[in-house]
PDB file of N, CA and C in Angstrom:
ATOM      1  N   UNK A   1     -69.068 132.406 -94.965  1.00  0.00           N
ATOM      2  CA  UNK A   1     -67.758 132.153 -94.464  1.00  0.00           C
ATOM      3  C   UNK A   1     -66.884 133.601 -94.776  1.00  0.00           C
ATOM      4  N   UNK A   2     -66.182 134.036 -93.875  1.00  0.00           N
ATOM      5  CA  UNK A   2     -65.284 135.162 -94.121  1.00  0.00           C
ATOM      6  C   UNK A   2     -64.041 134.637 -94.915  1.00  0.00           C
ATOM      7  N   UNK A   3     -63.680 135.649 -95.834  1.00  0.00           N
ATOM      8  CA  UNK A   3     -62.485 135.261 -96.595  1.00  0.00           C
ATOM      9  C   UNK A   3     -61.273 135.920 -96.191  1.00  0.00           C
ATOM     10  N   UNK A   4     -61.303 136.908 -95.219  1.00  0.00           N
ATOM     11  CA  UNK A   4     -60.036 137.686 -94.646  1.00  0.00           C
ATOM     12  C   UNK A   4     -60.095 137.577 -93.198  1.00  0.00           C
ATOM     13  N   UNK A   5     -58.991 137.308 -92.588  1.00  0.00           N
ATOM     14  CA  UNK A   5     -58.953 137.177 -91.242  1.00  0.00           C
ATOM     15  C   UNK A   5     -57.960 138.301 -90.722  1.00  0.00           C
ATOM     16  N   UNK A   6     -58.320 139.181 -89.823  1.00  0.00           N
ATOM     17  CA  UNK A   6     -57.345 140.202 -89.463  1.00  0.00           C
ATOM     18  C   UNK A   6     -56.812 139.994 -88.177  1.00  0.00           C
ATOM     19  N   UNK A   7     -55.474 140.080 -87.948  1.00  0.00           N
ATOM     20  CA  UNK A   7     -54.900 140.069 -86.623  1.00  0.00           C
ATOM     21  C   UNK A   7     -54.077 141.461 -86.545  1.00  0.00           C
ATOM     22  N   UNK A   8     -54.304 142.200 -85.544  1.00  0.00           N
ATOM     23  CA  UNK A   8     -53.679 143.342 -85.344  1.00  0.00           C
ATOM     24  C   UNK A   8     -52.300 143.042 -84.625  1.00  0.00           C
ATOM     25  N   UNK A   9     -51.140 143.769 -85.109  1.00  0.00           N
ATOM     26  CA  UNK A   9     -49.803 143.455 -84.619  1.00  0.00           C
ATOM     27  C   UNK A   9     -49.127 144.548 -83.735  1.00  0.00           C
ATOM     28  N   UNK A  10     -49.401 144.389 -82.446  1.00  0.00           N
ATOM     29  CA  UNK A  10     -48.778 145.297 -81.720  1.00  0.00           C
ATOM     30  C   UNK A  10     -47.286 145.054 -81.584  1.00  0.00           C
ATOM     31  N   UNK A  11     -46.492 146.160 -81.553  1.00  0.00           N
ATOM     32  CA  UNK A  11     -45.102 145.890 -81.432  1.00  0.00           C
ATOM     33  C   UNK A  11     -44.345 145.274 -82.717  1.00  0.00           C
ATOM     34  N   UNK A  12     -44.973 145.432 -83.888  1.00  0.00           N
ATOM     35  CA  UNK A  12     -44.242 145.033 -85.013  1.00  0.00           C
ATOM     36  C   UNK A  12     -44.300 146.485 -86.088  1.00  0.00           C
ATOM     37  N   UNK A  13     -43.512 146.091 -87.111  1.00  0.00           N
ATOM     38  CA  UNK A  13     -43.591 147.186 -88.033  1.00  0.00           C
ATOM     39  C   UNK A  13     -44.658 147.195 -89.100  1.00  0.00           C
ATOM     40  N   UNK A  14     -45.731 146.073 -88.762  1.00  0.00           N
ATOM     41  CA  UNK A  14     -46.948 146.127 -89.632  1.00  0.00           C
ATOM     42  C   UNK A  14     -47.977 146.423 -88.662  1.00  0.00           C
ATOM     43  N   UNK A  15     -48.921 147.027 -89.156  1.00  0.00           N
ATOM     44  CA  UNK A  15     -50.202 147.395 -88.469  1.00  0.00           C
ATOM     45  C   UNK A  15     -51.014 146.203 -88.235  1.00  0.00           C
ATOM     46  N   UNK A  16     -51.129 145.259 -89.261  1.00  0.00           N
ATOM     47  CA  UNK A  16     -51.993 144.263 -89.193  1.00  0.00           C
ATOM     48  C   UNK A  16     -51.483 143.126 -90.166  1.00  0.00           C
ATOM     49  N   UNK A  17     -51.850 141.813 -89.705  1.00  0.00           N
ATOM     50  CA  UNK A  17     -51.747 140.629 -90.693  1.00  0.00           C
ATOM     51  C   UNK A  17     -53.000 140.315 -91.229  1.00  0.00           C
ATOM     52  N   UNK A  18     -53.229 140.469 -92.484  1.00  0.00           N
ATOM     53  CA  UNK A  18     -54.404 139.940 -93.151  1.00  0.00           C
ATOM     54  C   UNK A  18     -54.113 138.574 -93.880  1.00  0.00           C
ATOM     55  N   UNK A  19     -54.782 137.525 -93.475  1.00  0.00           N
ATOM     56  CA  UNK A  19     -54.755 136.373 -94.020  1.00  0.00           C
ATOM     57  C   UNK A  19     -55.950 136.069 -94.888  1.00  0.00           C
ATOM     58  N   UNK A  20     -55.775 135.607 -95.962  1.00  0.00           N
ATOM     59  CA  UNK A  20     -57.081 135.296 -96.878  1.00  0.00           C
ATOM     60  C   UNK A  20     -57.095 133.768 -96.965  1.00  0.00           C
ATOM     61  N   UNK A  21     -58.544 133.530 -96.922  1.00  0.00           N
ATOM     62  CA  UNK A  21     -58.963 131.938 -96.894  1.00  0.00           C
ATOM     63  C   UNK A  21     -59.536 131.515 -98.062  1.00  0.00           C
ATOM     64  N   UNK A  22     -59.031 132.002 -99.248  1.00  0.00           N
ATOM     65  CA  UNK A  22     -59.589 131.681-100.480  1.00  0.00           C
ATOM     66  C   UNK A  22     -58.424 131.547-101.436  1.00  0.00           C
ATOM     67  N   UNK A  23     -58.675 130.878-102.290  1.00  0.00           N
ATOM     68  CA  UNK A  23     -57.664 130.866-103.785  1.00  0.00           C
ATOM     69  C   UNK A  23     -57.994 132.033-104.744  1.00  0.00           C
ATOM     70  N   UNK A  24     -59.048 132.834-104.466  1.00  0.00           N
ATOM     71  CA  UNK A  24     -59.058 134.095-105.238  1.00  0.00           C
ATOM     72  C   UNK A  24     -58.184 134.932-104.913  1.00  0.00           C
ATOM     73  N   UNK A  25     -58.164 135.869-105.854  1.00  0.00           N
ATOM     74  CA  UNK A  25     -57.234 137.060-105.847  1.00  0.00           C
ATOM     75  C   UNK A  25     -57.074 137.710-104.238  1.00  0.00           C
ATOM     76  N   UNK A  26     -55.936 137.805-103.750  1.00  0.00           N
ATOM     77  CA  UNK A  26     -56.083 138.429-102.241  1.00  0.00           C
ATOM     78  C   UNK A  26     -56.184 139.884-102.397  1.00  0.00           C
ATOM     79  N   UNK A  27     -55.953 140.691-103.471  1.00  0.00           N
ATOM     80  CA  UNK A  27     -56.297 141.859-103.571  1.00  0.00           C
ATOM     81  C   UNK A  27     -57.805 141.927-103.653  1.00  0.00           C
ATOM     82  N   UNK A  28     -58.548 141.413-104.514  1.00  0.00           N
ATOM     83  CA  UNK A  28     -60.069 141.571-104.678  1.00  0.00           C
ATOM     84  C   UNK A  28     -60.575 141.028-103.266  1.00  0.00           C
ATOM     85  N   UNK A  29     -60.007 140.144-102.553  1.00  0.00           N
ATOM     86  CA  UNK A  29     -60.863 139.758-101.257  1.00  0.00           C
ATOM     87  C   UNK A  29     -60.516 140.851-100.335  1.00  0.00           C
ATOM     88  N   UNK A  30     -59.411 141.433-100.316  1.00  0.00           N
ATOM     89  CA  UNK A  30     -59.159 142.594 -99.315  1.00  0.00           C
ATOM     90  C   UNK A  30     -60.051 143.750 -99.809  1.00  0.00           C
ATOM     91  N   UNK A  31     -60.201 143.990-101.085  1.00  0.00           N
ATOM     92  CA  UNK A  31     -60.953 145.161-101.331  1.00  0.00           C
ATOM     93  C   UNK A  31     -62.300 144.837-101.029  1.00  0.00           C
ATOM     94  N   UNK A  32     -62.859 143.768-101.243  1.00  0.00           N
ATOM     95  CA  UNK A  32     -64.238 143.404-100.768  1.00  0.00           C
ATOM     96  C   UNK A  32     -64.413 143.371 -99.173  1.00  0.00           C
ATOM     97  N   UNK A  33     -63.297 142.919 -98.379  1.00  0.00           N
ATOM     98  CA  UNK A  33     -63.328 142.897 -97.131  1.00  0.00           C
ATOM     99  C   UNK A  33     -63.442 144.449 -96.496  1.00  0.00           C
ATOM    100  N   UNK A  34     -62.444 145.349 -96.951  1.00  0.00           N
ATOM    101  CA  UNK A  34     -62.358 146.636 -96.714  1.00  0.00           C
ATOM    102  C   UNK A  34     -63.879 147.413 -97.128  1.00  0.00           C
ATOM    103  N   UNK A  35     -64.442 147.069 -98.221  1.00  0.00           N
ATOM    104  CA  UNK A  35     -65.649 147.804 -98.509  1.00  0.00           C
ATOM    105  C   UNK A  35     -66.893 147.259 -97.587  1.00  0.00           C
ATOM    106  N   UNK A  36     -66.822 146.073 -97.158  1.00  0.00           N
ATOM    107  CA  UNK A  36     -67.847 145.560 -96.318  1.00  0.00           C
ATOM    108  C   UNK A  36     -67.752 145.806 -94.757  1.00  0.00           C
ATOM    109  N   UNK A  37     -66.554 146.104 -94.474  1.00  0.00           N
ATOM    110  CA  UNK A  37     -66.231 146.257 -93.029  1.00  0.00           C
ATOM    111  C   UNK A  37     -65.659 147.535 -92.556  1.00  0.00           C
ATOM    112  N   UNK A  38     -65.517 148.425 -93.713  1.00  0.00           N
ATOM    113  CA  UNK A  38     -64.823 149.812 -93.278  1.00  0.00           C
ATOM    114  C   UNK A  38     -63.457 149.704 -92.669  1.00  0.00           C
ATOM    115  N   UNK A  39     -62.641 148.689 -92.918  1.00  0.00           N
ATOM    116  CA  UNK A  39     -61.296 148.528 -92.413  1.00  0.00           C
ATOM    117  C   UNK A  39     -60.549 149.880 -92.595  1.00  0.00           C
ATOM    118  N   UNK A  40     -59.801 150.203 -91.567  1.00  0.00           N
ATOM    119  CA  UNK A  40     -58.962 151.359 -91.555  1.00  0.00           C
ATOM    120  C   UNK A  40     -57.709 151.031 -91.058  1.00  0.00           C
ATOM    121  N   UNK A  41     -56.477 151.583 -91.492  1.00  0.00           N
ATOM    122  CA  UNK A  41     -55.261 151.088 -91.047  1.00  0.00           C
ATOM    123  C   UNK A  41     -54.157 152.364 -91.116  1.00  0.00           C
ATOM    124  N   UNK A  42     -53.082 151.854 -90.403  1.00  0.00           N
ATOM    125  CA  UNK A  42     -52.054 152.973 -90.514  1.00  0.00           C
ATOM    126  C   UNK A  42     -50.596 152.443 -90.759  1.00  0.00           C
ATOM    127  N   UNK A  43     -49.849 152.997 -91.315  1.00  0.00           N
ATOM    128  CA  UNK A  43     -48.430 152.428 -91.586  1.00  0.00           C
ATOM    129  C   UNK A  43     -48.595 151.335 -92.726  1.00  0.00           C
ATOM    130  N   UNK A  44     -48.266 150.091 -92.480  1.00  0.00           N
ATOM    131  CA  UNK A  44     -48.280 148.950 -93.647  1.00  0.00           C
ATOM    132  C   UNK A  44     -48.984 147.941 -92.948  1.00  0.00           C
ATOM    133  N   UNK A  45     -49.637 147.161 -93.790  1.00  0.00           N
ATOM    134  CA  UNK A  45     -50.194 145.826 -93.668  1.00  0.00           C
ATOM    135  C   UNK A  45     -49.398 144.728 -94.277  1.00  0.00           C
ATOM    136  N   UNK A  46     -49.461 143.459 -93.911  1.00  0.00           N
ATOM    137  CA  UNK A  46     -48.756 142.417 -94.519  1.00  0.00           C
ATOM    138  C   UNK A  46     -50.087 141.462 -94.741  1.00  0.00           C
ATOM    139  N   UNK A  47     -49.899 140.897 -95.945  1.00  0.00           N
ATOM    140  CA  UNK A  47     -51.058 139.955 -96.414  1.00  0.00           C
ATOM    141  C   UNK A  47     -50.525 138.479 -96.765  1.00  0.00           C
ATOM    142  N   UNK A  48     -50.933 137.463 -96.094  1.00  0.00           N
ATOM    143  CA  UNK A  48     -50.590 136.254 -96.241  1.00  0.00           C
ATOM    144  C   UNK A  48     -51.530 135.750 -97.412  1.00  0.00           C
ATOM    145  N   UNK A  49     -51.103 135.485 -98.645  1.00  0.00           N
ATOM    146  CA  UNK A  49     -51.759 134.972 -99.776  1.00  0.00           C
ATOM    147  C   UNK A  49     -51.566 133.504-100.033  1.00  0.00           C
ATOM    148  N   UNK A  50     -51.089 132.675 -99.165  1.00  0.00           N
ATOM    149  CA  UNK A  50     -50.548 131.205 -99.495  1.00  0.00           C
ATOM    150  C   UNK A  50     -51.719 130.519-100.199  1.00  0.00           C
ATOM    151  N   UNK A  51     -52.783 130.658 -99.821  1.00  0.00           N
ATOM    152  CA  UNK A  51     -53.954 129.770-100.548  1.00  0.00           C
ATOM    153  C   UNK A  51     -54.214 130.206-102.000  1.00  0.00           C
ATOM    154  N   UNK A  52     -53.659 131.258-102.332  1.00  0.00           N
ATOM    155  CA  UNK A  52     -53.826 131.844-103.767  1.00  0.00           C
ATOM    156  C   UNK A  52     -52.399 131.451-104.463  1.00  0.00           C
ATOM    157  N   UNK A  53     -51.362 131.808-103.909  1.00  0.00           N
ATOM    158  CA  UNK A  53     -49.998 131.678-104.504  1.00  0.00           C
ATOM    159  C   UNK A  53     -49.252 130.489-104.255  1.00  0.00           C
ATOM    160  N   UNK A  54     -49.456 129.786-103.196  1.00  0.00           N
ATOM    161  CA  UNK A  54     -48.754 128.643-102.703  1.00  0.00           C
ATOM    162  C   UNK A  54     -47.610 129.122-101.709  1.00  0.00           C
ATOM    163  N   UNK A  55     -46.795 128.189-101.322  1.00  0.00           N
ATOM    164  CA  UNK A  55     -45.873 128.737-100.058  1.00  0.00           C
ATOM    165  C   UNK A  55     -44.525 128.930-101.157  1.00  0.00           C
ATOM    166  N   UNK A  56     -44.637 130.332-101.540  1.00  0.00           N
ATOM    167  CA  UNK A  56     -43.408 130.615-102.387  1.00  0.00           C
ATOM    168  C   UNK A  56     -43.058 132.110-102.123  1.00  0.00           C
ATOM    169  N   UNK A  57     -42.370 132.636-103.042  1.00  0.00           N
ATOM    170  CA  UNK A  57     -41.844 134.079-102.734  1.00  0.00           C
ATOM    171  C   UNK A  57     -43.026 135.010-103.023  1.00  0.00           C
ATOM    172  N   UNK A  58     -44.078 134.720-103.470  1.00  0.00           N
ATOM    173  CA  UNK A  58     -45.207 135.529-103.509  1.00  0.00           C
ATOM    174  C   UNK A  58     -46.299 135.389-102.600  1.00  0.00           C
ATOM    175  N   UNK A  59     -45.846 134.777-101.546  1.00  0.00           N
ATOM    176  CA  UNK A  59     -46.892 134.405-100.408  1.00  0.00           C
ATOM    177  C   UNK A  59     -47.361 135.645 -99.597  1.00  0.00           C
ATOM    178  N   UNK A  60     -46.271 136.458 -99.275  1.00  0.00           N
ATOM    179  CA  UNK A  60     -46.294 137.655 -98.422  1.00  0.00           C
ATOM    180  C   UNK A  60     -46.447 138.997 -99.173  1.00  0.00           C
ATOM    181  N   UNK A  61     -47.467 139.730 -99.021  1.00  0.00           N
ATOM    182  CA  UNK A  61     -47.450 140.908 -99.762  1.00  0.00           C
ATOM    183  C   UNK A  61     -47.619 142.061 -98.786  1.00  0.00           C
ATOM    184  N   UNK A  62     -46.684 143.126 -98.863  1.00  0.00           N
ATOM    185  CA  UNK A  62     -46.678 144.239 -98.023  1.00  0.00           C
ATOM    186  C   UNK A  62     -47.333 145.342 -98.751  1.00  0.00           C
ATOM    187  N   UNK A  63     -48.408 146.026 -98.160  1.00  0.00           N
ATOM    188  CA  UNK A  63     -49.111 147.054 -98.589  1.00  0.00           C
ATOM    189  C   UNK A  63     -49.079 148.337 -97.851  1.00  0.00           C
ATOM    190  N   UNK A  64     -48.897 149.492 -98.063  1.00  0.00           N
ATOM    191  CA  UNK A  64     -48.758 150.724 -97.362  1.00  0.00           C
ATOM    192  C   UNK A  64     -50.254 151.224 -97.326  1.00  0.00           C
ATOM    193  N   UNK A  65     -50.524 151.885 -96.024  1.00  0.00           N
ATOM    194  CA  UNK A  65     -51.711 152.505 -95.731  1.00  0.00           C
ATOM    195  C   UNK A  65     -51.415 153.999 -95.835  1.00  0.00           C
ATOM    196  N   UNK A  66     -52.194 154.848 -96.531  1.00  0.00           N
ATOM    197  CA  UNK A  66     -52.278 156.237 -96.526  1.00  0.00           C
ATOM    198  C   UNK A  66     -53.553 156.913 -96.126  1.00  0.00           C
ATOM    199  N   UNK A  67     -53.612 157.683 -95.165  1.00  0.00           N
ATOM    200  CA  UNK A  67     -54.772 158.474 -94.613  1.00  0.00           C
ATOM    201  C   UNK A  67     -55.896 157.317 -94.148  1.00  0.00           C
ATOM    202  N   UNK A  68     -55.483 156.265 -93.514  1.00  0.00           N
ATOM    203  CA  UNK A  68     -56.180 155.307 -93.028  1.00  0.00           C
ATOM    204  C   UNK A  68     -56.777 154.207 -94.193  1.00  0.00           C
ATOM    205  N   UNK A  69     -56.399 154.576 -95.470  1.00  0.00           N
ATOM    206  CA  UNK A  69     -56.885 153.637 -96.598  1.00  0.00           C
ATOM    207  C   UNK A  69     -55.671 152.829 -97.072  1.00  0.00           C
ATOM    208  N   UNK A  70     -56.058 151.726 -97.482  1.00  0.00           N
ATOM    209  CA  UNK A  70     -54.933 150.674 -98.013  1.00  0.00           C
ATOM    210  C   UNK A  70     -54.748 151.332 -99.508  1.00  0.00           C
ATOM    211  N   UNK A  71     -53.314 151.463 -99.813  1.00  0.00           N
ATOM    212  CA  UNK A  71     -52.963 151.965-101.137  1.00  0.00           C
ATOM    213  C   UNK A  71     -52.692 150.702-102.073  1.00  0.00           C
ATOM    214  N   UNK A  72     -53.535 150.221-102.686  1.00  0.00           N
ATOM    215  CA  UNK A  72     -53.506 149.176-103.469  1.00  0.00           C
ATOM    216  C   UNK A  72     -52.605 149.237-104.657  1.00  0.00           C
ATOM    217  N   UNK A  73     -52.091 150.544-105.074  1.00  0.00           N
ATOM    218  CA  UNK A  73     -51.188 151.062-106.271  1.00  0.00           C
ATOM    219  C   UNK A  73     -49.836 150.672-105.746  1.00  0.00           C
ATOM    220  N   UNK A  74     -49.536 150.389-104.574  1.00  0.00           N
ATOM    221  CA  UNK A  74     -48.172 150.347-104.208  1.00  0.00           C
ATOM    222  C   UNK A  74     -47.924 149.058-103.362  1.00  0.00           C
ATOM    223  N   UNK A  75     -47.793 147.962-103.635  1.00  0.00           N
ATOM    224  CA  UNK A  75     -47.550 146.668-102.887  1.00  0.00           C
ATOM    225  C   UNK A  75     -46.347 146.231-103.406  1.00  0.00           C
ATOM    226  N   UNK A  76     -45.632 145.290-102.550  1.00  0.00           N
ATOM    227  CA  UNK A  76     -44.371 144.580-102.777  1.00  0.00           C
ATOM    228  C   UNK A  76     -44.551 143.238-102.119  1.00  0.00           C
ATOM    229  N   UNK A  77     -44.013 142.176-102.830  1.00  0.00           N
ATOM    230  CA  UNK A  77     -43.855 140.997-102.294  1.00  0.00           C
ATOM    231  C   UNK A  77     -42.613 140.852-101.330  1.00  0.00           C
ATOM    232  N   UNK A  78     -42.826 140.355-100.317  1.00  0.00           N
ATOM    233  CA  UNK A  78     -41.746 140.334 -99.246  1.00  0.00           C
ATOM    234  C   UNK A  78     -41.278 138.886 -98.851  1.00  0.00           C
ATOM    235  N   UNK A  79     -40.104 138.582 -98.460  1.00  0.00           N
ATOM    236  CA  UNK A  79     -39.794 137.356 -98.028  1.00  0.00           C
ATOM    237  C   UNK A  79     -39.766 137.370 -96.573  1.00  0.00           C
ATOM    238  N   UNK A  80     -40.363 136.348 -95.689  1.00  0.00           N
ATOM    239  CA  UNK A  80     -40.509 136.173 -94.436  1.00  0.00           C
ATOM    240  C   UNK A  80     -39.856 134.812 -94.044  1.00  0.00           C
ATOM    241  N   UNK A  81     -38.725 134.932 -93.133  1.00  0.00           N
ATOM    242  CA  UNK A  81     -38.128 133.496 -93.011  1.00  0.00           C
ATOM    243  C   UNK A  81     -39.076 132.701 -92.154  1.00  0.00           C
ATOM    244  N   UNK A  82     -38.846 131.355 -92.373  1.00  0.00           N
ATOM    245  CA  UNK A  82     -39.831 130.310 -91.967  1.00  0.00           C
ATOM    246  C   UNK A  82     -39.938 130.432 -90.328  1.00  0.00           C
ATOM    247  N   UNK A  83     -38.783 130.775 -89.728  1.00  0.00           N
ATOM    248  CA  UNK A  83     -38.818 130.811 -88.102  1.00  0.00           C
ATOM    249  C   UNK A  83     -39.274 132.218 -87.584  1.00  0.00           C
ATOM    250  N   UNK A  84     -39.539 133.166 -88.478  1.00  0.00           N
ATOM    251  CA  UNK A  84     -39.912 134.572 -88.033  1.00  0.00           C
ATOM    252  C   UNK A  84     -41.263 134.390 -87.275  1.00  0.00           C
ATOM    253  N   UNK A  85     -41.432 135.179 -86.332  1.00  0.00           N
ATOM    254  CA  UNK A  85     -42.760 135.295 -85.636  1.00  0.00           C
ATOM    255  C   UNK A  85     -43.892 135.574 -86.372  1.00  0.00           C
ATOM    256  N   UNK A  86     -43.706 136.474 -87.320  1.00  0.00           N
ATOM    257  CA  UNK A  86     -44.875 136.887 -88.276  1.00  0.00           C
ATOM    258  C   UNK A  86     -45.283 135.477 -89.140  1.00  0.00           C
ATOM    259  N   UNK A  87     -44.441 134.965 -89.441  1.00  0.00           N
ATOM    260  CA  UNK A  87     -44.647 133.793 -90.449  1.00  0.00           C
ATOM    261  C   UNK A  87     -45.416 132.742 -89.548  1.00  0.00           C
ATOM    262  N   UNK A  88     -44.919 132.525 -88.247  1.00  0.00           N
ATOM    263  CA  UNK A  88     -45.505 131.453 -87.382  1.00  0.00           C
ATOM    264  C   UNK A  88     -46.872 131.959 -87.123  1.00  0.00           C
ATOM    265  N   UNK A  89     -47.091 133.157 -86.775  1.00  0.00           N
ATOM    266  CA  UNK A  89     -48.445 133.650 -86.627  1.00  0.00           C
ATOM    267  C   UNK A  89     -49.496 133.375 -87.645  1.00  0.00           C
ATOM    268  N   UNK A  90     -48.997 133.802 -89.005  1.00  0.00           N
ATOM    269  CA  UNK A  90     -49.701 133.254 -89.941  1.00  0.00           C
ATOM    270  C   UNK A  90     -49.857 131.907 -90.267  1.00  0.00           C
ATOM    271  N   UNK A  91     -49.006 131.172 -89.877  1.00  0.00           N
ATOM    272  CA  UNK A  91     -49.223 129.695 -89.927  1.00  0.00           C
ATOM    273  C   UNK A  91     -50.314 129.208 -88.902  1.00  0.00           C
ATOM    274  N   UNK A  92     -50.222 129.802 -87.918  1.00  0.00           N
ATOM    275  CA  UNK A  92     -51.184 129.690 -86.628  1.00  0.00           C
ATOM    276  C   UNK A  92     -52.613 129.914 -87.129  1.00  0.00           C
ATOM    277  N   UNK A  93     -52.640 131.013 -87.862  1.00  0.00           N
ATOM    278  CA  UNK A  93     -54.085 131.466 -88.280  1.00  0.00           C
ATOM    279  C   UNK A  93     -54.742 130.336 -89.170  1.00  0.00           C
ATOM    280  N   UNK A  94     -53.801 129.991 -90.126  1.00  0.00           N
ATOM    281  CA  UNK A  94     -54.330 128.985 -91.251  1.00  0.00           C
ATOM    282  C   UNK A  94     -54.820 127.850 -90.485  1.00  0.00           C
ATOM    283  N   UNK A  95     -53.970 127.352 -89.538  1.00  0.00           N
ATOM    284  CA  UNK A  95     -54.121 126.113 -88.826  1.00  0.00           C
ATOM    285  C   UNK A  95     -55.559 126.021 -88.241  1.00  0.00           C
ATOM    286  N   UNK A  96     -56.245 127.029 -87.925  1.00  0.00           N
ATOM    287  CA  UNK A  96     -57.789 127.164 -87.512  1.00  0.00           C
ATOM    288  C   UNK A  96     -58.561 126.784 -88.341  1.00  0.00           C
ATOM    289  N   UNK A  97     -58.207 126.582 -89.744  1.00  0.00           N
ATOM    290  CA  UNK A  97     -59.100 126.239 -90.922  1.00  0.00           C
ATOM    291  C   UNK A  97     -58.639 124.877 -91.433  1.00  0.00           C
ATOM    292  N   UNK A  98     -58.782 123.839 -90.900  1.00  0.00           N
ATOM    293  CA  UNK A  98     -58.054 122.591 -91.576  1.00  0.00           C
ATOM    294  C   UNK A  98     -59.003 122.171 -92.786  1.00  0.00           C
ATOM    295  N   UNK A  99     -60.088 122.348 -92.825  1.00  0.00           N
ATOM    296  CA  UNK A  99     -60.743 121.998 -94.163  1.00  0.00           C
ATOM    297  C   UNK A  99     -60.307 122.954 -95.314  1.00  0.00           C
ATOM    298  N   UNK A 100     -60.090 124.215 -94.929  1.00  0.00           N
ATOM    299  CA  UNK A 100     -59.569 125.084 -96.023  1.00  0.00           C
ATOM    300  C   UNK A 100     -58.105 124.600 -96.518  1.00  0.00           C
ATOM    301  N   UNK A 101     -57.347 124.252 -95.452  1.00  0.00           N
ATOM    302  CA  UNK A 101     -55.959 123.874 -95.796  1.00  0.00           C
ATOM    303  C   UNK A 101     -56.061 122.497 -96.634  1.00  0.00           C
ATOM    304  N   UNK A 102     -56.820 121.673 -96.274  1.00  0.00           N
ATOM    305  CA  UNK A 102     -57.003 120.183 -96.910  1.00  0.00           C
ATOM    306  C   UNK A 102     -57.377 120.483 -98.244  1.00  0.00           C
ATOM    307  N   UNK A 103     -58.241 121.439 -98.728  1.00  0.00           N
ATOM    308  CA  UNK A 103     -58.790 121.727 -99.872  1.00  0.00           C
ATOM    309  C   UNK A 103     -57.996 122.720-100.688  1.00  0.00           C
ATOM    310  N   UNK A 104     -56.753 122.926-100.116  1.00  0.00           N
ATOM    311  CA  UNK A 104     -56.158 124.153-100.858  1.00  0.00           C
ATOM    312  C   UNK A 104     -54.952 123.528-101.950  1.00  0.00           C
ATOM    313  N   UNK A 105     -54.445 124.619-102.531  1.00  0.00           N
ATOM    314  CA  UNK A 105     -53.340 124.270-103.615  1.00  0.00           C
ATOM    315  C   UNK A 105     -51.990 123.628-102.904  1.00  0.00           C
ATOM    316  N   UNK A 106     -51.997 123.875-101.648  1.00  0.00           N
ATOM    317  CA  UNK A 106     -50.570 123.274-100.925  1.00  0.00           C
ATOM    318  C   UNK A 106     -50.539 121.679-101.142  1.00  0.00           C
ATOM    319  N   UNK A 107     -49.322 121.266-101.430  1.00  0.00           N
ATOM    320  CA  UNK A 107     -49.048 119.907-101.644  1.00  0.00           C
ATOM    321  C   UNK A 107     -49.214 119.083-100.271  1.00  0.00           C
ATOM    322  N   UNK A 108     -49.397 117.741-100.240  1.00  0.00           N
ATOM    323  CA  UNK A 108     -49.688 117.048 -99.230  1.00  0.00           C
ATOM    324  C   UNK A 108     -48.762 117.127 -97.921  1.00  0.00           C
ATOM    325  N   UNK A 109     -47.393 117.163 -98.299  1.00  0.00           N
ATOM    326  CA  UNK A 109     -46.382 117.493 -97.295  1.00  0.00           C
ATOM    327  C   UNK A 109     -46.570 118.712 -96.511  1.00  0.00           C
ATOM    328  N   UNK A 110     -46.800 120.046 -97.283  1.00  0.00           N
ATOM    329  CA  UNK A 110     -47.100 121.197 -96.710  1.00  0.00           C
ATOM    330  C   UNK A 110     -48.384 121.147 -95.716  1.00  0.00           C
ATOM    331  N   UNK A 111     -49.373 120.528 -96.264  1.00  0.00           N
ATOM    332  CA  UNK A 111     -50.469 120.314 -95.435  1.00  0.00           C
ATOM    333  C   UNK A 111     -50.292 119.795 -94.342  1.00  0.00           C
ATOM    334  N   UNK A 112     -49.647 118.662 -94.283  1.00  0.00           N
ATOM    335  CA  UNK A 112     -49.376 117.931 -92.997  1.00  0.00           C
ATOM    336  C   UNK A 112     -48.488 118.547 -92.023  1.00  0.00           C
ATOM    337  N   UNK A 113     -47.435 119.219 -92.561  1.00  0.00           N
ATOM    338  CA  UNK A 113     -46.544 120.106 -91.687  1.00  0.00           C
ATOM    339  C   UNK A 113     -47.474 121.094 -91.148  1.00  0.00           C
ATOM    340  N   UNK A 114     -48.080 121.815 -91.940  1.00  0.00           N
ATOM    341  CA  UNK A 114     -48.978 122.998 -91.305  1.00  0.00           C
ATOM    342  C   UNK A 114     -49.903 122.572 -90.209  1.00  0.00           C
ATOM    343  N   UNK A 115     -50.595 121.506 -90.492  1.00  0.00           N
ATOM    344  CA  UNK A 115     -51.749 120.911 -89.689  1.00  0.00           C
ATOM    345  C   UNK A 115     -51.094 120.345 -88.166  1.00  0.00           C
ATOM    346  N   UNK A 116     -49.772 119.912 -88.336  1.00  0.00           N
ATOM    347  CA  UNK A 116     -49.116 119.503 -87.304  1.00  0.00           C
ATOM    348  C   UNK A 116     -48.387 120.584 -86.530  1.00  0.00           C
ATOM    349  N   UNK A 117     -48.463 121.718 -86.876  1.00  0.00           N
ATOM    350  CA  UNK A 117     -47.810 122.797 -86.095  1.00  0.00           C
ATOM    351  C   UNK A 117     -46.486 123.227 -86.549  1.00  0.00           C
ATOM    352  N   UNK A 118     -46.092 122.859 -87.537  1.00  0.00           N
ATOM    353  CA  UNK A 118     -44.635 123.053 -88.082  1.00  0.00           C
ATOM    354  C   UNK A 118     -44.668 124.208 -89.096  1.00  0.00           C
ATOM    355  N   UNK A 119     -43.968 125.121 -88.824  1.00  0.00           N
ATOM    356  CA  UNK A 119     -43.929 126.266 -89.757  1.00  0.00           C
ATOM    357  C   UNK A 119     -43.419 126.051 -91.081  1.00  0.00           C
ATOM    358  N   UNK A 120     -44.225 126.271 -92.139  1.00  0.00           N
ATOM    359  CA  UNK A 120     -43.781 126.141 -93.594  1.00  0.00           C
ATOM    360  C   UNK A 120     -43.569 127.642 -94.136  1.00  0.00           C
TER     361      UNK A 120
END
């Protein structure tokens, strides 16, 4: 099973949305993914780490890319509003993995909302 899903974001301030599908460290998961897949990027990426951190202020991580490589030494937690298109896209990605959601650290209310298409 893959642990990182990549969605390229055209017309966004981010190059791609990376969604981690494990409760393991999102940075470790992305490092492994980059090593296995040779992922290259430009600008910035945004990482949804909800399955590691929960639905809180540490959910989204912004990481710059330099010379095609992710700069793991320079990351920031960013707030993305619940109705923002990027957050909705992240939620839609997660919704494709109901078994992972049901076995995650999210509380029962968050799981139900997410699985029923309501942005959390």
